[in-house]
Amino acid sequence: MADSIVVEGLSKRLGKRQVLDGISLSAPAGSVIALLGPNGAGKTTMVRVLSTLLRPDAGRVAICGHDVVAEPRRVRGLIGLTGQFAAVDGILTGRENLELVGGLYRMGRAGARDRAQELLERFGLTEAADRRVGTYSGGMRRRLDLAASLLIKPRVLFLDEPTTGLDLRSRLGLWAEIEQLVRDGTTLLLTTQYLEEADRLADTVTVLDQGRAVAQGTPAVLKEQIGGDRVEFALADPARLDAAVGVLAPRALGEPQLDRTAARITLRLKEGEEGVGGALRDLRAAGVQVATHAVRSPTLDDVFLTLTGSGLEEREATGAEAAAAGGRGGRGGRDKRGGRGGRGRGARRAPGGER
């Protein structure tokens, strides 16, 4: 079966910064590919190029066999796009939102009405269909936003951080809907900050860092590549975290990973699981009290941190800087959305600012 998404040598510069640098990937029909990477890695820029909202500087991108530069209108008729923020009108009802988008797709009044009803039922929004969207919860808004992206039954759907800000119940519900879309034959490209989301949904993962693909493969293969069990030490006193790192560093393979909020250190030991006892003795001798410790297999979090070199604190700081940027194109600014003029027939909205 032909690939629904083909990217070959994709490069894109924004201002003086090389945001994408020779990216190549592909996704067979009915599969899910996830893009992971720290803030500024190029994930959203890539989504915008693939959805015809930005022109690439170099390389080739094809959606269902159609070149995004040579045939942008044809591509827009094949895709759906859900950006980082729910692009629904709070003044209108849920039903009116969907029928409005159906009108933009030129589905006709009856066609838009029937398809809107079908999607309201599918996404569990029938009881709220005639309420103003301004009264919806965040999860309901996100489900409505995804429903709007599916009005034309796209063959390829781009989801840019679809569950950011949702509570666990809403996130699980949206995951179930995404899985059903794939069973129905839709090809998905997903960017996410939730690594367990990629682990659950993705057939393949591409890890981006500084505009380049630093790893590609299934979640299982990527975990195997970084190898070895991890040991987590949770400390009784967060103030002793740096002292504990100093004690454990000689026993560690690579840099220990720190979570200061949870007072937790995660690392690979040179001696593997057999080295846990010695590490505990060294910590006790240094006056560091360990509340709990555990040995676990690698996760996509470990893959992310190992391959990008980006710790939790660094990602949080970068996110705070992006939020502070606001109107300069960060997550909080409306101007980065491209306004309503950025919507094409098949791509409903421009995604959010680059992370």
Protein backbone atom coordinates (compact mmCIF):
# COMPACT_ATOMS: atom_id res chain seq x y z
CA MET A 1 0.00 0.00 0.00
CA ALA A 2 1.32 3.46 -0.96
CA ASP A 3 2.44 5.85 1.76
CA SER A 4 -0.05 8.57 2.64
CA ILE A 5 2.71 10.92 3.84
CA VAL A 6 6.12 11.17 2.17
CA VAL A 7 8.72 13.70 3.30
CA GLU A 8 12.15 13.77 1.66
CA GLY A 9 14.94 16.16 2.67
CA LEU A 10 12.56 18.80 4.04
CA SER A 11 14.21 22.07 5.04
CA LYS A 12 12.71 25.35 6.20
CA ARG A 13 14.24 28.55 7.53
CA LEU A 14 12.26 31.12 9.51
CA GLY A 15 14.16 34.38 9.69
CA LYS A 16 17.76 33.57 10.56
CA ARG A 17 16.97 30.22 12.14
CA GLN A 18 17.08 26.88 10.34
CA VAL A 19 13.94 25.34 11.80
CA LEU A 20 13.91 22.16 9.69
CA ASP A 21 17.10 20.67 8.30
CA GLY A 22 16.83 17.74 5.90
CA ILE A 23 13.93 15.82 7.51
CA SER A 24 12.74 12.61 5.84
CA LEU A 25 9.92 10.33 6.98
CA SER A 26 6.94 8.41 5.66
CA ALA A 27 3.64 7.05 6.95
CA PRO A 28 1.66 4.21 5.33
CA ALA A 29 -2.09 4.60 4.97
CA GLY A 30 -3.97 3.93 8.20
CA SER A 31 -0.94 4.42 10.45
CA VAL A 32 0.07 6.93 13.13
CA ILE A 33 3.39 8.74 13.15
CA ALA A 34 4.32 10.85 16.17
CA LEU A 35 6.71 13.80 16.22
CA LEU A 36 8.52 14.27 19.52
CA GLY A 37 11.04 16.92 20.46
CA PRO A 38 11.77 19.76 22.85
CA ASN A 39 10.40 23.26 22.39
CA GLY A 40 11.82 24.79 19.22
CA ALA A 41 12.61 21.42 17.62
CA GLY A 42 10.51 22.19 14.52
CA LYS A 43 7.39 20.08 15.14
CA THR A 44 4.75 22.72 14.46
CA THR A 45 6.64 24.18 11.50
CA MET A 46 6.67 20.71 9.99
CA VAL A 47 2.93 20.34 10.47
CA ARG A 48 2.38 23.72 8.81
CA VAL A 49 4.49 22.73 5.80
CA LEU A 50 2.73 19.38 5.42
CA SER A 51 -0.68 21.07 5.61
CA THR A 52 0.25 23.65 2.90
CA LEU A 53 0.34 26.59 5.32
CA LEU A 54 4.08 27.15 4.77
CA ARG A 55 6.17 26.54 1.66
CA PRO A 56 9.30 24.45 2.16
CA ASP A 57 12.66 25.91 1.20
CA ALA A 58 13.95 22.54 -0.03
CA GLY A 59 12.90 18.93 -0.23
CA ARG A 60 9.73 17.18 -1.29
CA VAL A 61 6.46 16.62 0.56
CA ALA A 62 3.61 14.54 -0.84
CA ILE A 63 0.22 13.77 0.71
CA CYS A 64 -1.55 10.77 -0.84
CA GLY A 65 0.71 11.17 -3.88
CA HIS A 66 0.08 14.91 -4.34
CA ASP A 67 2.88 17.45 -3.96
CA VAL A 68 2.07 20.14 -1.36
CA VAL A 69 3.75 22.86 -3.44
CA ALA A 70 2.54 21.89 -6.91
CA GLU A 71 -0.99 20.83 -5.87
CA PRO A 72 -1.89 22.64 -2.62
CA ARG A 73 -5.63 22.86 -3.36
CA ARG A 74 -5.80 19.13 -4.06
CA VAL A 75 -3.92 18.41 -0.84
CA ARG A 76 -6.27 20.61 1.21
CA GLY A 77 -9.19 18.54 0.03
CA LEU A 78 -7.58 15.42 1.50
CA ILE A 79 -6.49 16.61 4.93
CA GLY A 80 -7.80 17.79 8.27
CA LEU A 81 -5.91 19.85 10.80
CA THR A 82 -6.42 20.35 14.50
CA GLY A 83 -4.04 22.92 15.98
CA GLN A 84 -2.87 23.45 19.54
CA PHE A 85 -5.93 25.48 20.51
CA ALA A 86 -9.60 24.64 19.96
CA ALA A 87 -10.71 26.86 17.06
CA VAL A 88 -14.42 26.90 17.85
CA ASP A 89 -16.72 29.88 18.29
CA GLY A 90 -17.95 30.22 21.87
CA ILE A 91 -20.98 32.29 20.86
CA LEU A 92 -22.36 29.61 18.53
CA THR A 93 -23.76 26.26 19.60
CA GLY A 94 -21.86 23.06 18.92
CA ARG A 95 -24.20 22.21 16.07
CA GLU A 96 -23.88 25.70 14.55
CA ASN A 97 -20.08 25.47 14.69
CA LEU A 98 -20.06 22.23 12.72
CA GLU A 99 -22.65 23.40 10.19
CA LEU A 100 -20.68 26.62 9.68
CA VAL A 101 -17.51 24.68 8.88
CA GLY A 102 -19.54 22.40 6.61
CA GLY A 103 -20.65 25.50 4.73
CA LEU A 104 -17.02 26.58 4.32
CA TYR A 105 -16.35 23.16 2.81
CA ARG A 106 -19.28 23.78 0.39
CA MET A 107 -21.05 20.65 1.56
CA GLY A 108 -24.50 22.17 1.09
CA ARG A 109 -26.96 22.92 3.88
CA ALA A 110 -28.46 19.44 4.06
CA GLY A 111 -25.09 17.70 3.78
CA ALA A 112 -23.55 19.88 6.49
CA ARG A 113 -26.55 19.32 8.78
CA ASP A 114 -26.46 15.53 8.38
CA ARG A 115 -22.71 15.27 8.81
CA ALA A 116 -22.81 17.56 11.87
CA GLN A 117 -25.42 15.34 13.51
CA GLU A 118 -23.34 12.23 12.75
CA LEU A 119 -20.26 13.73 14.36
CA LEU A 120 -22.12 15.10 17.37
CA GLU A 121 -23.33 11.57 18.07
CA ARG A 122 -19.92 10.03 17.50
CA PHE A 123 -18.18 12.40 19.89
CA GLY A 124 -20.82 12.23 22.62
CA LEU A 125 -22.01 15.81 22.17
CA THR A 126 -25.66 15.33 21.27
CA GLU A 127 -26.98 16.51 24.64
CA ALA A 128 -24.87 19.67 24.42
CA ALA A 129 -25.34 20.18 20.68
CA ASP A 130 -27.65 23.18 21.04
CA ARG A 131 -25.81 24.85 23.91
CA ARG A 132 -23.41 27.73 23.35
CA VAL A 133 -19.86 26.41 23.12
CA GLY A 134 -18.82 29.02 25.68
CA THR A 135 -20.48 26.78 28.29
CA TYR A 136 -18.49 23.68 27.23
CA SER A 137 -15.68 22.15 29.26
CA GLY A 138 -12.17 22.01 27.80
CA GLY A 139 -12.58 18.36 26.86
CA MET A 140 -15.89 19.03 25.11
CA ARG A 141 -14.39 21.92 23.15
CA ARG A 142 -11.50 19.69 22.06
CA ARG A 143 -13.87 16.94 20.92
CA LEU A 144 -15.89 19.49 18.95
CA ASP A 145 -12.71 20.86 17.40
CA LEU A 146 -11.65 17.38 16.31
CA ALA A 147 -15.13 16.72 14.95
CA ALA A 148 -14.87 19.87 12.81
CA SER A 149 -11.62 18.54 11.33
CA LEU A 150 -13.43 15.37 10.27
CA LEU A 151 -16.37 16.92 8.41
CA ILE A 152 -14.90 16.01 5.02
CA LYS A 153 -13.67 12.58 6.18
CA PRO A 154 -9.99 13.42 5.57
CA ARG A 155 -7.59 10.73 4.43
CA VAL A 156 -4.79 12.37 6.43
CA LEU A 157 -5.27 14.18 9.74
CA PHE A 158 -2.70 16.40 11.44
CA LEU A 159 -3.05 16.71 15.22
CA ASP A 160 -0.81 19.32 16.86
CA GLU A 161 -0.80 18.56 20.61
CA PRO A 162 -4.47 17.50 20.58
CA THR A 163 -4.78 16.74 24.31
CA THR A 164 -2.70 19.51 25.87
CA GLY A 165 -4.44 20.89 28.96
CA LEU A 166 -7.06 18.15 29.17
CA ASP A 167 -7.66 16.16 32.33
CA LEU A 168 -6.93 12.43 32.31
CA ARG A 169 -10.53 11.35 31.65
CA SER A 170 -10.87 13.71 28.68
CA ARG A 171 -7.47 12.68 27.36
CA LEU A 172 -8.36 8.97 27.49
CA GLY A 173 -11.64 9.67 25.73
CA LEU A 174 -9.93 11.57 22.94
CA TRP A 175 -7.34 8.80 22.57
CA ALA A 176 -10.16 6.32 22.05
CA GLU A 177 -11.60 8.51 19.29
CA ILE A 178 -8.19 8.83 17.63
CA GLU A 179 -7.75 5.06 17.70
CA GLN A 180 -11.14 4.62 16.06
CA LEU A 181 -10.15 7.05 13.28
CA VAL A 182 -7.11 4.91 12.52
CA ARG A 183 -9.22 1.74 12.46
CA ASP A 184 -11.43 3.54 9.93
CA GLY A 185 -8.38 4.07 7.69
CA THR A 186 -7.29 7.64 8.48
CA THR A 187 -3.55 8.34 8.53
CA LEU A 188 -2.46 10.51 11.45
CA LEU A 189 0.55 12.68 12.09
CA LEU A 190 0.64 13.64 15.76
CA THR A 191 2.77 16.05 17.75
CA THR A 192 2.55 15.74 21.50
CA GLN A 193 4.14 16.71 24.79
CA TYR A 194 2.69 13.61 26.46
CA LEU A 195 5.13 10.80 25.79
CA GLU A 196 2.69 8.16 27.00
CA GLU A 197 0.37 9.46 24.25
CA ALA A 198 2.94 8.62 21.58
CA ASP A 199 3.65 5.29 23.27
CA ARG A 200 0.00 4.32 23.11
CA LEU A 201 -1.01 5.73 19.72
CA ALA A 202 2.02 5.79 17.43
CA ASP A 203 3.18 3.07 15.06
CA THR A 204 6.42 4.98 14.50
CA VAL A 205 8.09 7.91 16.24
CA THR A 206 10.40 10.56 14.84
CA VAL A 207 12.41 12.46 17.45
CA LEU A 208 13.33 15.98 16.35
CA ASP A 209 16.02 18.13 17.92
CA GLN A 210 17.20 21.48 16.59
CA GLY A 211 15.43 20.88 13.31
CA ARG A 212 16.90 17.44 12.61
CA ALA A 213 15.58 13.91 12.98
CA VAL A 214 17.83 12.34 15.62
CA ALA A 215 15.97 9.01 15.79
CA GLN A 216 13.18 7.15 14.03
CA GLY A 217 11.48 3.84 14.71
CA THR A 218 8.74 2.12 16.64
CA PRO A 219 8.47 3.01 20.34
CA ALA A 220 9.78 -0.45 21.23
CA VAL A 221 12.83 -0.12 18.97
CA LEU A 222 13.70 3.33 20.30
CA LYS A 223 13.53 2.04 23.88
CA GLU A 224 15.82 -0.85 22.98
CA GLN A 225 18.34 1.51 21.38
CA ILE A 226 19.00 3.40 24.60
CA GLY A 227 19.12 0.07 26.49
CA GLY A 228 19.30 -0.88 30.13
CA ASP A 229 17.00 -0.64 33.12
CA ARG A 230 16.69 2.65 34.99
CA VAL A 231 16.80 3.11 38.74
CA GLU A 232 14.71 5.83 40.36
CA PHE A 233 15.63 7.19 43.78
CA ALA A 234 13.03 9.40 45.50
CA LEU A 235 14.57 11.40 48.35
CA ALA A 236 12.98 12.23 51.68
CA ASP A 237 14.55 15.71 51.62
CA PRO A 238 14.48 17.64 48.29
CA ALA A 239 17.28 19.89 49.55
CA ARG A 240 19.66 16.90 49.39
CA LEU A 241 19.11 16.32 45.66
CA ASP A 242 22.40 17.85 44.51
CA ALA A 243 24.33 15.99 47.20
CA ALA A 244 22.73 12.73 46.05
CA VAL A 245 23.72 13.43 42.45
CA GLY A 246 27.32 13.88 43.54
CA VAL A 247 27.24 10.54 45.35
CA LEU A 248 25.63 8.65 42.46
CA ALA A 249 27.50 10.22 39.53
CA PRO A 250 30.53 7.86 39.74
CA ARG A 251 28.19 4.87 39.50
CA ALA A 252 26.09 6.26 36.63
CA LEU A 253 26.15 5.63 32.91
CA GLY A 254 25.56 9.08 31.44
CA GLU A 255 24.02 12.06 33.18
CA PRO A 256 21.42 11.38 35.89
CA GLN A 257 17.98 12.83 35.14
CA LEU A 258 16.53 15.10 37.83
CA ASP A 259 12.96 15.91 38.77
CA ARG A 260 13.30 18.56 41.47
CA THR A 261 9.56 18.82 41.99
CA ALA A 262 9.34 15.15 42.96
CA ALA A 263 12.86 15.07 44.51
CA ARG A 264 13.66 12.17 42.20
CA ILE A 265 16.84 11.02 40.44
CA THR A 266 16.70 8.57 37.54
CA LEU A 267 19.85 6.96 36.15
CA ARG A 268 21.43 3.86 34.65
CA LEU A 269 23.93 2.17 36.93
CA LYS A 270 27.17 0.76 35.55
CA GLU A 271 26.52 -2.47 37.43
CA GLY A 272 22.87 -2.60 36.45
CA GLU A 273 20.35 -3.79 39.02
CA GLU A 274 23.15 -5.39 41.03
CA GLY A 275 24.53 -1.94 41.77
CA VAL A 276 21.41 -0.72 43.58
CA GLY A 277 22.54 -2.00 46.98
CA GLY A 278 25.89 -0.25 46.72
CA ALA A 279 24.25 2.99 45.61
CA LEU A 280 21.92 2.90 48.62
CA ARG A 281 24.84 2.31 50.98
CA ASP A 282 26.74 5.26 49.48
CA LEU A 283 23.72 7.52 49.89
CA ARG A 284 23.22 6.49 53.54
CA ALA A 285 26.90 7.08 54.25
CA ALA A 286 26.55 10.60 52.83
CA GLY A 287 23.55 11.30 55.05
CA VAL A 288 21.03 11.22 52.17
CA GLN A 289 17.77 9.50 53.09
CA VAL A 290 16.00 7.63 50.29
CA ALA A 291 12.22 7.48 50.64
CA THR A 292 11.69 4.92 47.86
CA HIS A 293 13.60 3.36 45.01
CA ALA A 294 12.52 1.31 42.01
CA VAL A 295 14.00 -0.43 38.97
CA ARG A 296 12.09 -0.05 35.71
CA SER A 297 12.45 -0.59 31.98
CA PRO A 298 13.14 2.37 29.65
CA THR A 299 10.21 4.57 28.58
CA LEU A 300 9.77 7.09 25.79
CA ASP A 301 10.60 9.74 28.40
CA ASP A 302 14.06 8.18 28.66
CA VAL A 303 14.36 8.11 24.87
CA PHE A 304 13.37 11.77 24.68
CA LEU A 305 15.79 12.90 27.37
CA THR A 306 18.67 10.73 26.15
CA LEU A 307 18.40 11.77 22.51
CA THR A 308 17.62 15.47 22.93
CA GLY A 309 19.62 16.17 26.10
CA SER A 310 16.66 18.19 27.37
CA GLY A 311 15.82 17.80 31.03
CA LEU A 312 12.45 18.49 32.62
CA GLU A 313 13.63 21.81 34.06
CA GLU A 314 14.91 22.96 30.68
CA ARG A 315 11.61 22.12 28.98
CA GLU A 316 9.61 23.92 31.65
CA ALA A 317 11.83 26.99 31.39
CA THR A 318 11.52 27.03 27.60
CA GLY A 319 7.76 26.73 27.88
CA ALA A 320 7.67 29.66 30.30
CA GLU A 321 9.72 31.76 27.90
CA ALA A 322 7.34 30.90 25.05
CA ALA A 323 4.35 31.87 27.17
CA ALA A 324 6.01 35.16 28.13
CA ALA A 325 6.61 35.89 24.44
CA GLY A 326 2.82 36.08 23.96
CA GLY A 327 2.11 38.35 21.04
CA ARG A 328 5.59 37.79 19.62
CA GLY A 329 4.49 34.33 18.44
CA GLY A 330 4.52 32.31 21.68
CA ARG A 331 1.73 30.07 22.87
CA GLY A 332 -0.33 32.90 24.32
CA GLY A 333 -0.50 35.22 21.27
CA ARG A 334 -3.49 35.33 18.96
CA ASP A 335 -1.49 36.77 16.07
CA LYS A 336 0.44 33.55 15.57
CA ARG A 337 -2.78 31.77 14.69
CA GLY A 338 -2.85 33.54 11.37
CA GLY A 339 -6.37 34.88 12.07
CA ARG A 340 -9.32 33.51 10.14
CA GLY A 341 -7.63 34.31 6.88
CA GLY A 342 -5.20 31.41 7.39
CA ARG A 343 -7.86 28.75 6.82
CA GLY A 344 -8.03 26.84 3.55
CA ARG A 345 -10.75 24.48 2.43
CA GLY A 346 -9.07 21.38 3.80
CA ALA A 347 -6.88 22.90 6.50
CA ARG A 348 -9.22 24.66 8.90
CA ARG A 349 -6.68 26.61 10.85
CA ALA A 350 -3.04 27.44 11.20
CA PRO A 351 -1.49 25.63 14.15
CA GLY A 352 0.11 27.45 17.03
CA GLY A 353 3.54 29.03 17.30
CA GLU A 354 6.69 27.00 16.93
CA ARG A 355 7.83 25.10 19.98
